[in-house]
C-alpha atoms as a PDB file:
ATOM      1  CA  UNK A   1      -0.272   0.061   0.020  1.00  0.00           C
ATOM      2  CA  UNK A   2       1.572   3.442  -1.367  1.00  0.00           C
ATOM      3  CA  UNK A   3       1.641   6.127   1.695  1.00  0.00           C
ATOM      4  CA  UNK A   4       0.571   9.029   0.418  1.00  0.00           C
ATOM      5  CA  UNK A   5      -0.062  12.328   2.606  1.00  0.00           C
ATOM      6  CA  UNK A   6      -2.329  15.235   1.667  1.00  0.00           C
ATOM      7  CA  UNK A   7      -0.672  18.750   3.334  1.00  0.00           C
ATOM      8  CA  UNK A   8      -2.411  21.849   3.962  1.00  0.00           C
ATOM      9  CA  UNK A   9      -1.482  25.210   5.992  1.00  0.00           C
ATOM     10  CA  UNK A  10      -3.249  27.205   8.615  1.00  0.00           C
ATOM     11  CA  UNK A  11      -3.918  31.126   8.230  1.00  0.00           C
ATOM     12  CA  UNK A  12      -6.050  33.035  11.019  1.00  0.00           C
ATOM     13  CA  UNK A  13      -9.204  31.731  12.770  1.00  0.00           C
ATOM     14  CA  UNK A  14      -7.366  31.950  16.309  1.00  0.00           C
ATOM     15  CA  UNK A  15      -4.516  29.350  15.593  1.00  0.00           C
ATOM     16  CA  UNK A  16      -1.177  29.591  17.433  1.00  0.00           C
ATOM     17  CA  UNK A  17       1.169  32.115  15.604  1.00  0.00           C
ATOM     18  CA  UNK A  18       3.671  29.410  14.959  1.00  0.00           C
ATOM     19  CA  UNK A  19       1.129  27.172  13.151  1.00  0.00           C
ATOM     20  CA  UNK A  20       1.223  28.031   9.538  1.00  0.00           C
ATOM     21  CA  UNK A  21       1.142  24.414   7.957  1.00  0.00           C
ATOM     22  CA  UNK A  22      -0.436  21.116   8.499  1.00  0.00           C
ATOM     23  CA  UNK A  23      -0.032  18.059   6.802  1.00  0.00           C
ATOM     24  CA  UNK A  24      -3.273  15.523   6.664  1.00  0.00           C
ATOM     25  CA  UNK A  25      -2.297  12.139   7.013  1.00  0.00           C
ATOM     26  CA  UNK A  26      -4.377   9.196   5.638  1.00  0.00           C
ATOM     27  CA  UNK A  27      -6.600   7.933   8.718  1.00  0.00           C
ATOM     28  CA  UNK A  28      -5.404   4.061   9.815  1.00  0.00           C
ATOM     29  CA  UNK A  29      -8.451   2.089   8.790  1.00  0.00           C
ATOM     30  CA  UNK A  30      -9.644  -0.585  11.034  1.00  0.00           C
ATOM     31  CA  UNK A  31     -13.012  -1.129   8.966  1.00  0.00           C
ATOM     32  CA  UNK A  32     -14.156  -3.376   6.375  1.00  0.00           C
ATOM     33  CA  UNK A  33     -14.191  -0.603   4.029  1.00  0.00           C
ATOM     34  CA  UNK A  34     -11.421   0.840   2.573  1.00  0.00           C
ATOM     35  CA  UNK A  35     -12.802   3.754   0.780  1.00  0.00           C
ATOM     36  CA  UNK A  36     -13.385   5.590   3.717  1.00  0.00           C
ATOM     37  CA  UNK A  37      -9.515   6.233   4.300  1.00  0.00           C
ATOM     38  CA  UNK A  38      -9.755   8.717   1.328  1.00  0.00           C
ATOM     39  CA  UNK A  39     -13.005   9.903   2.061  1.00  0.00           C
ATOM     40  CA  UNK A  40     -12.073  10.811   5.803  1.00  0.00           C
ATOM     41  CA  UNK A  41      -8.894  12.675   4.578  1.00  0.00           C
ATOM     42  CA  UNK A  42     -10.384  14.334   1.472  1.00  0.00           C
ATOM     43  CA  UNK A  43     -13.331  15.697   3.970  1.00  0.00           C
ATOM     44  CA  UNK A  44     -11.022  16.847   6.123  1.00  0.00           C
ATOM     45  CA  UNK A  45      -8.698  18.567   3.605  1.00  0.00           C
ATOM     46  CA  UNK A  46     -11.522  20.394   1.759  1.00  0.00           C
ATOM     47  CA  UNK A  47     -12.902  21.889   5.142  1.00  0.00           C
ATOM     48  CA  UNK A  48      -9.584  23.195   6.427  1.00  0.00           C
ATOM     49  CA  UNK A  49      -8.861  24.662   2.987  1.00  0.00           C
ATOM     50  CA  UNK A  50     -12.196  26.269   2.592  1.00  0.00           C
ATOM     51  CA  UNK A  51     -12.421  27.154   6.795  1.00  0.00           C
ATOM     52  CA  UNK A  52      -9.151  27.772   7.712  1.00  0.00           C
ATOM     53  CA  UNK A  53      -7.438  28.931   4.706  1.00  0.00           C
ATOM     54  CA  UNK A  54      -4.922  26.180   4.223  1.00  0.00           C
ATOM     55  CA  UNK A  55      -2.010  25.868   1.851  1.00  0.00           C
ATOM     56  CA  UNK A  56       0.100  22.877   0.985  1.00  0.00           C
ATOM     57  CA  UNK A  57       3.241  21.507   3.448  1.00  0.00           C
ATOM     58  CA  UNK A  58       5.103  18.476   3.384  1.00  0.00           C
ATOM     59  CA  UNK A  59       4.553  16.253   6.361  1.00  0.00           C
ATOM     60  CA  UNK A  60       8.242  16.610   7.354  1.00  0.00           C
ATOM     61  CA  UNK A  61       7.882  20.471   7.235  1.00  0.00           C
ATOM     62  CA  UNK A  62       4.492  20.957   8.647  1.00  0.00           C
ATOM     63  CA  UNK A  63       4.169  22.870  11.399  1.00  0.00           C
ATOM     64  CA  UNK A  64       1.090  20.635  13.082  1.00  0.00           C
ATOM     65  CA  UNK A  65      -0.015  17.003  11.706  1.00  0.00           C
ATOM     66  CA  UNK A  66      -3.836  15.730  11.443  1.00  0.00           C
ATOM     67  CA  UNK A  67      -3.459  12.021  12.013  1.00  0.00           C
ATOM     68  CA  UNK A  68      -6.094   9.448  13.032  1.00  0.00           C
ATOM     69  CA  UNK A  69      -7.758   5.918  13.155  1.00  0.00           C
ATOM     70  CA  UNK A  70     -11.324   4.502  11.829  1.00  0.00           C
ATOM     71  CA  UNK A  71     -12.426   2.333  14.475  1.00  0.00           C
ATOM     72  CA  UNK A  72     -16.092   1.371  13.126  1.00  0.00           C
ATOM     73  CA  UNK A  73     -18.278   1.515  10.289  1.00  0.00           C
ATOM     74  CA  UNK A  74     -21.741   0.694  10.670  1.00  0.00           C
ATOM     75  CA  UNK A  75     -23.473   1.658   7.509  1.00  0.00           C
ATOM     76  CA  UNK A  76     -27.094   0.196   7.885  1.00  0.00           C
ATOM     77  CA  UNK A  77     -28.492   0.840  11.532  1.00  0.00           C
ATOM     78  CA  UNK A  78     -32.442   0.745  11.252  1.00  0.00           C
ATOM     79  CA  UNK A  79     -33.784   3.593  12.521  1.00  0.00           C
ATOM     80  CA  UNK A  80     -37.711   3.767  11.089  1.00  0.00           C
ATOM     81  CA  UNK A  81     -39.627   1.037   9.073  1.00  0.00           C
ATOM     82  CA  UNK A  82     -43.143   0.347   8.147  1.00  0.00           C
ATOM     83  CA  UNK A  83     -45.630  -2.735   8.100  1.00  0.00           C
ATOM     84  CA  UNK A  84     -48.301  -2.733   5.625  1.00  0.00           C
ATOM     85  CA  UNK A  85     -51.845  -4.812   6.416  1.00  0.00           C
ATOM     86  CA  UNK A  86     -50.243  -8.105   5.095  1.00  0.00           C
ATOM     87  CA  UNK A  87     -47.558  -7.658   7.718  1.00  0.00           C
ATOM     88  CA  UNK A  88     -44.684  -6.944   5.015  1.00  0.00           C
ATOM     89  CA  UNK A  89     -41.903  -4.646   6.619  1.00  0.00           C
ATOM     90  CA  UNK A  90     -40.245  -2.066   4.767  1.00  0.00           C
ATOM     91  CA  UNK A  91     -37.297  -0.122   6.162  1.00  0.00           C
ATOM     92  CA  UNK A  92     -37.722   3.548   5.780  1.00  0.00           C
ATOM     93  CA  UNK A  93     -34.938   5.465   7.489  1.00  0.00           C
ATOM     94  CA  UNK A  94     -31.297   4.010   8.252  1.00  0.00           C
ATOM     95  CA  UNK A  95     -28.212   5.683   9.602  1.00  0.00           C
ATOM     96  CA  UNK A  96     -24.486   5.666   9.100  1.00  0.00           C
ATOM     97  CA  UNK A  97     -22.218   5.493  12.150  1.00  0.00           C
ATOM     98  CA  UNK A  98     -18.646   6.264  12.420  1.00  0.00           C
ATOM     99  CA  UNK A  99     -16.484   5.933  15.090  1.00  0.00           C
ATOM    100  CA  UNK A 100     -12.754   7.633  14.930  1.00  0.00           C
ATOM    101  CA  UNK A 101      -9.681   8.737  17.092  1.00  0.00           C
ATOM    102  CA  UNK A 102      -8.214  11.928  16.040  1.00  0.00           C
ATOM    103  CA  UNK A 103      -5.366  14.122  16.722  1.00  0.00           C
ATOM    104  CA  UNK A 104      -3.796  17.320  15.735  1.00  0.00           C
ATOM    105  CA  UNK A 105      -0.195  17.622  16.596  1.00  0.00           C
ATOM    106  CA  UNK A 106       1.833  20.325  17.020  1.00  0.00           C
ATOM    107  CA  UNK A 107       5.486  18.909  15.358  1.00  0.00           C
ATOM    108  CA  UNK A 108       7.397  22.509  16.623  1.00  0.00           C
ATOM    109  CA  UNK A 109       6.254  22.025  20.193  1.00  0.00           C
ATOM    110  CA  UNK A 110       5.917  18.014  20.406  1.00  0.00           C
ATOM    111  CA  UNK A 111       2.342  18.105  21.785  1.00  0.00           C
ATOM    112  CA  UNK A 112      -1.256  17.732  20.710  1.00  0.00           C
ATOM    113  CA  UNK A 113      -2.971  20.482  20.131  1.00  0.00           C
ATOM    114  CA  UNK A 114      -6.439  18.666  19.852  1.00  0.00           C
ATOM    115  CA  UNK A 115      -7.425  15.206  19.984  1.00  0.00           C
ATOM    116  CA  UNK A 116     -10.861  13.339  20.279  1.00  0.00           C
ATOM    117  CA  UNK A 117     -10.927   9.295  21.065  1.00  0.00           C
ATOM    118  CA  UNK A 118     -13.972   7.219  20.263  1.00  0.00           C
ATOM    119  CA  UNK A 119     -15.646  10.233  18.339  1.00  0.00           C
ATOM    120  CA  UNK A 120     -18.862   9.401  16.957  1.00  0.00           C
ATOM    121  CA  UNK A 121     -20.475  10.824  14.055  1.00  0.00           C
ATOM    122  CA  UNK A 122     -23.627   9.428  12.143  1.00  0.00           C
ATOM    123  CA  UNK A 123     -25.986  10.591   9.571  1.00  0.00           C
ATOM    124  CA  UNK A 124     -29.600   9.295   8.386  1.00  0.00           C
ATOM    125  CA  UNK A 125     -30.297   8.196   4.869  1.00  0.00           C
ATOM    126  CA  UNK A 126     -33.397   6.766   3.236  1.00  0.00           C
ATOM    127  CA  UNK A 127     -32.551   3.397   1.775  1.00  0.00           C
ATOM    128  CA  UNK A 128     -30.483   2.623  -0.501  1.00  0.00           C
ATOM    129  CA  UNK A 129     -28.862   6.012  -0.199  1.00  0.00           C
ATOM    130  CA  UNK A 130     -26.232   5.082   2.073  1.00  0.00           C
ATOM    131  CA  UNK A 131     -24.094   7.638   0.391  1.00  0.00           C
ATOM    132  CA  UNK A 132     -26.218  10.453   1.640  1.00  0.00           C
ATOM    133  CA  UNK A 133     -25.611   9.122   5.339  1.00  0.00           C
ATOM    134  CA  UNK A 134     -22.130   9.025   5.166  1.00  0.00           C
ATOM    135  CA  UNK A 135     -21.732  12.483   3.471  1.00  0.00           C
ATOM    136  CA  UNK A 136     -23.741  14.074   6.802  1.00  0.00           C
ATOM    137  CA  UNK A 137     -21.557  12.074   8.741  1.00  0.00           C
ATOM    138  CA  UNK A 138     -18.443  13.337   7.171  1.00  0.00           C
ATOM    139  CA  UNK A 139     -19.701  16.851   7.481  1.00  0.00           C
ATOM    140  CA  UNK A 140     -20.006  16.241  10.929  1.00  0.00           C
ATOM    141  CA  UNK A 141     -16.729  15.016  11.592  1.00  0.00           C
ATOM    142  CA  UNK A 142     -15.060  17.788   9.906  1.00  0.00           C
ATOM    143  CA  UNK A 143     -17.445  20.072  11.719  1.00  0.00           C
ATOM    144  CA  UNK A 144     -16.344  18.862  15.241  1.00  0.00           C
ATOM    145  CA  UNK A 145     -12.393  18.844  14.262  1.00  0.00           C
ATOM    146  CA  UNK A 146     -12.490  22.237  12.975  1.00  0.00           C
ATOM    147  CA  UNK A 147     -14.595  23.679  15.854  1.00  0.00           C
ATOM    148  CA  UNK A 148     -12.947  21.543  18.445  1.00  0.00           C
ATOM    149  CA  UNK A 149      -9.258  22.759  17.336  1.00  0.00           C
ATOM    150  CA  UNK A 150     -10.487  26.468  17.066  1.00  0.00           C
ATOM    151  CA  UNK A 151     -11.696  26.052  20.913  1.00  0.00           C
ATOM    152  CA  UNK A 152      -8.364  24.560  21.853  1.00  0.00           C
ATOM    153  CA  UNK A 153      -6.435  27.361  20.396  1.00  0.00           C
END
């Protein structure tokens, strides 16, 4: 497996003055869905670019790095169903749930800037549109990372 890092830099938003760049590393994926690795990294990268005005940097020279582990993925948790007069059951709502450990690490000072273990995000969807629920869950993830990180700085 090739190791690829997407790298970006902070600008503004109450960040410590020495944090100018950040590398977003591919998350370790302990689930059966290999596509989550890229989807999580892309979602975090896009949010940091758009919300924090980031610019590229290599991991070795980045002031901070974002890294983590995807520990669980549940794509089809039952939320609601209907039963017709003949007793046939139709699932009407499901939920995607992703559990992660996330850290933003200050490489210059050698300490975590922000971290969460067991962060759970979810998104509801109408079957069979799992991708819609996944999109909502990823948006919640990036909101938690960006908002949590800014509140710590």
